[in-house]
Amino acid sequence: PQNGRAGVLGSHLPWGDPRRGWDFVSTGHGDVPWEDSFRALDAIGYAGPISIEWEDAGMDRLHGAAQAVQYVRSLLWPKPAASFDAAFRNQ
C-alpha cells in the first residue's frame, strides 16, 4: 500500500514497518531461489566461500542467524562419488 510518498522500496519508513513495500527476511523465508543458486554455483565448479548477510526486522537475531546457517547448510549436500548413470551399469 502506497501513501503517495512511498515508492517501491518505501525507504523513508523504518525497517519492520508494515507500510513498506518490502523488508529483509531471514535466509530461506523470502523469494530467493537458494537451491537453484547453489546448484548453479556447483555447475560452474565454484568452491569458494559463501557469505550470507542476515537482516530480519521481524525475528530475533540470535535465533534468525542460527536458523539461516542451518538452512544454508541443508543445501550444501555432498557430491556423489559416481555419476547418476553409473549406478545402473551393473544391472
C-alpha atoms as a PDB file:
ATOM      1  CA  PRO A   1       0.000   0.000   0.000  1.00  0.00           C
ATOM      2  CA  GLN A   2       1.446   3.312  -1.083  1.00  0.00           C
ATOM      3  CA  ASN A   3       0.707   6.559   0.721  1.00  0.00           C
ATOM      4  CA  GLY A   4       1.854   8.874  -2.080  1.00  0.00           C
ATOM      5  CA  ARG A   5       5.330   9.281  -0.577  1.00  0.00           C
ATOM      6  CA  ALA A   6       6.454   5.665  -0.629  1.00  0.00           C
ATOM      7  CA  GLY A   7       7.832   4.223  -3.818  1.00  0.00           C
ATOM      8  CA  VAL A   8       8.503   0.584  -4.491  1.00  0.00           C
ATOM      9  CA  LEU A   9      11.045   0.428  -1.675  1.00  0.00           C
ATOM     10  CA  GLY A  10       9.382   2.808   0.789  1.00  0.00           C
ATOM     11  CA  SER A  11      12.852   3.635   2.083  1.00  0.00           C
ATOM     12  CA  HIS A  12      11.734   6.543   4.257  1.00  0.00           C
ATOM     13  CA  LEU A  13       9.885   4.137   6.553  1.00  0.00           C
ATOM     14  CA  PRO A  14      11.668   2.259   9.357  1.00  0.00           C
ATOM     15  CA  TRP A  15      12.538  -1.438   8.982  1.00  0.00           C
ATOM     16  CA  GLY A  16       9.669  -3.642  10.090  1.00  0.00           C
ATOM     17  CA  ASP A  17       7.019  -1.015   9.306  1.00  0.00           C
ATOM     18  CA  PRO A  18       4.094  -2.844   7.640  1.00  0.00           C
ATOM     19  CA  ARG A  19       3.648   0.044   5.160  1.00  0.00           C
ATOM     20  CA  ARG A  20       6.971  -0.743   3.496  1.00  0.00           C
ATOM     21  CA  GLY A  21       6.714  -2.381   0.102  1.00  0.00           C
ATOM     22  CA  TRP A  22       9.303  -4.973   1.161  1.00  0.00           C
ATOM     23  CA  ASP A  23      11.543  -5.863   4.061  1.00  0.00           C
ATOM     24  CA  PHE A  24      14.557  -8.065   4.680  1.00  0.00           C
ATOM     25  CA  VAL A  25      13.710 -11.586   5.786  1.00  0.00           C
ATOM     26  CA  SER A  26      15.872 -14.372   7.120  1.00  0.00           C
ATOM     27  CA  THR A  27      17.540 -16.695   4.628  1.00  0.00           C
ATOM     28  CA  GLY A  28      15.076 -19.310   3.418  1.00  0.00           C
ATOM     29  CA  HIS A  29      11.985 -17.220   4.155  1.00  0.00           C
ATOM     30  CA  GLY A  30      11.912 -14.922   1.133  1.00  0.00           C
ATOM     31  CA  ASP A  31      11.792 -15.211  -2.634  1.00  0.00           C
ATOM     32  CA  VAL A  32      15.443 -16.059  -3.362  1.00  0.00           C
ATOM     33  CA  PRO A  33      15.728 -19.470  -5.065  1.00  0.00           C
ATOM     34  CA  TRP A  34      18.574 -20.633  -2.813  1.00  0.00           C
ATOM     35  CA  GLU A  35      18.733 -24.244  -4.003  1.00  0.00           C
ATOM     36  CA  ASP A  36      18.830 -23.143  -7.650  1.00  0.00           C
ATOM     37  CA  SER A  37      21.560 -20.641  -6.781  1.00  0.00           C
ATOM     38  CA  PHE A  38      23.752 -23.247  -5.094  1.00  0.00           C
ATOM     39  CA  ARG A  39      23.194 -25.737  -7.917  1.00  0.00           C
ATOM     40  CA  ALA A  40      24.260 -23.062 -10.438  1.00  0.00           C
ATOM     41  CA  LEU A  41      27.426 -22.344  -8.432  1.00  0.00           C
ATOM     42  CA  ASP A  42      28.155 -26.067  -8.279  1.00  0.00           C
ATOM     43  CA  ALA A  43      27.615 -26.414 -12.044  1.00  0.00           C
ATOM     44  CA  ILE A  44      30.383 -23.893 -12.737  1.00  0.00           C
ATOM     45  CA  GLY A  45      32.717 -25.525 -10.229  1.00  0.00           C
ATOM     46  CA  TYR A  46      32.613 -22.766  -7.612  1.00  0.00           C
ATOM     47  CA  ALA A  47      34.332 -23.943  -4.432  1.00  0.00           C
ATOM     48  CA  GLY A  48      34.906 -20.654  -2.632  1.00  0.00           C
ATOM     49  CA  PRO A  49      33.357 -19.157   0.483  1.00  0.00           C
ATOM     50  CA  ILE A  50      29.667 -18.423   0.900  1.00  0.00           C
ATOM     51  CA  SER A  51      28.708 -15.332   2.868  1.00  0.00           C
ATOM     52  CA  ILE A  52      25.108 -14.862   3.983  1.00  0.00           C
ATOM     53  CA  GLU A  53      24.098 -11.444   5.277  1.00  0.00           C
ATOM     54  CA  TRP A  54      21.380 -11.767   7.887  1.00  0.00           C
ATOM     55  CA  GLU A  55      18.882  -8.926   8.378  1.00  0.00           C
ATOM     56  CA  ASP A  56      15.314  -9.519   9.524  1.00  0.00           C
ATOM     57  CA  ALA A  57      13.379  -6.911  11.493  1.00  0.00           C
ATOM     58  CA  GLY A  58      10.742  -9.476  12.466  1.00  0.00           C
ATOM     59  CA  MET A  59      12.999 -12.100  14.032  1.00  0.00           C
ATOM     60  CA  ASP A  60      15.412 -12.171  16.957  1.00  0.00           C
ATOM     61  CA  ARG A  61      18.934 -12.012  15.547  1.00  0.00           C
ATOM     62  CA  LEU A  62      20.373 -14.926  17.532  1.00  0.00           C
ATOM     63  CA  HIS A  63      17.501 -17.194  16.529  1.00  0.00           C
ATOM     64  CA  GLY A  64      17.439 -15.945  12.947  1.00  0.00           C
ATOM     65  CA  ALA A  65      21.167 -16.144  12.315  1.00  0.00           C
ATOM     66  CA  ALA A  66      21.352 -19.706  13.650  1.00  0.00           C
ATOM     67  CA  GLN A  67      18.320 -20.696  11.577  1.00  0.00           C
ATOM     68  CA  ALA A  68      19.831 -19.115   8.443  1.00  0.00           C
ATOM     69  CA  VAL A  69      23.084 -21.056   8.906  1.00  0.00           C
ATOM     70  CA  GLN A  70      21.144 -24.295   9.396  1.00  0.00           C
ATOM     71  CA  TYR A  71      19.099 -23.626   6.248  1.00  0.00           C
ATOM     72  CA  VAL A  72      22.162 -22.901   4.104  1.00  0.00           C
ATOM     73  CA  ARG A  73      23.974 -25.979   5.414  1.00  0.00           C
ATOM     74  CA  SER A  74      20.956 -28.109   4.473  1.00  0.00           C
ATOM     75  CA  LEU A  75      21.564 -27.113   0.842  1.00  0.00           C
ATOM     76  CA  LEU A  76      25.267 -27.971   0.842  1.00  0.00           C
ATOM     77  CA  TRP A  77      24.982 -31.729   0.448  1.00  0.00           C
ATOM     78  CA  PRO A  78      27.986 -33.840  -0.547  1.00  0.00           C
ATOM     79  CA  LYS A  79      28.532 -34.608  -4.203  1.00  0.00           C
ATOM     80  CA  PRO A  80      28.059 -38.219  -5.299  1.00  0.00           C
ATOM     81  CA  ALA A  81      31.165 -40.375  -5.674  1.00  0.00           C
ATOM     82  CA  ALA A  82      29.987 -41.576  -9.102  1.00  0.00           C
ATOM     83  CA  SER A  83      27.714 -40.252 -11.813  1.00  0.00           C
ATOM     84  CA  PHE A  84      23.994 -40.997 -11.649  1.00  0.00           C
ATOM     85  CA  ASP A  85      24.165 -43.304 -14.678  1.00  0.00           C
ATOM     86  CA  ALA A  86      26.995 -45.356 -13.136  1.00  0.00           C
ATOM     87  CA  ALA A  87      24.545 -46.829 -10.629  1.00  0.00           C
ATOM     88  CA  PHE A  88      22.757 -48.647 -13.479  1.00  0.00           C
ATOM     89  CA  ARG A  89      25.787 -50.050 -15.324  1.00  0.00           C
ATOM     90  CA  ASN A  90      25.999 -53.274 -13.303  1.00  0.00           C
ATOM     91  CA  GLN A  91      22.343 -54.231 -13.560  1.00  0.00           C
END
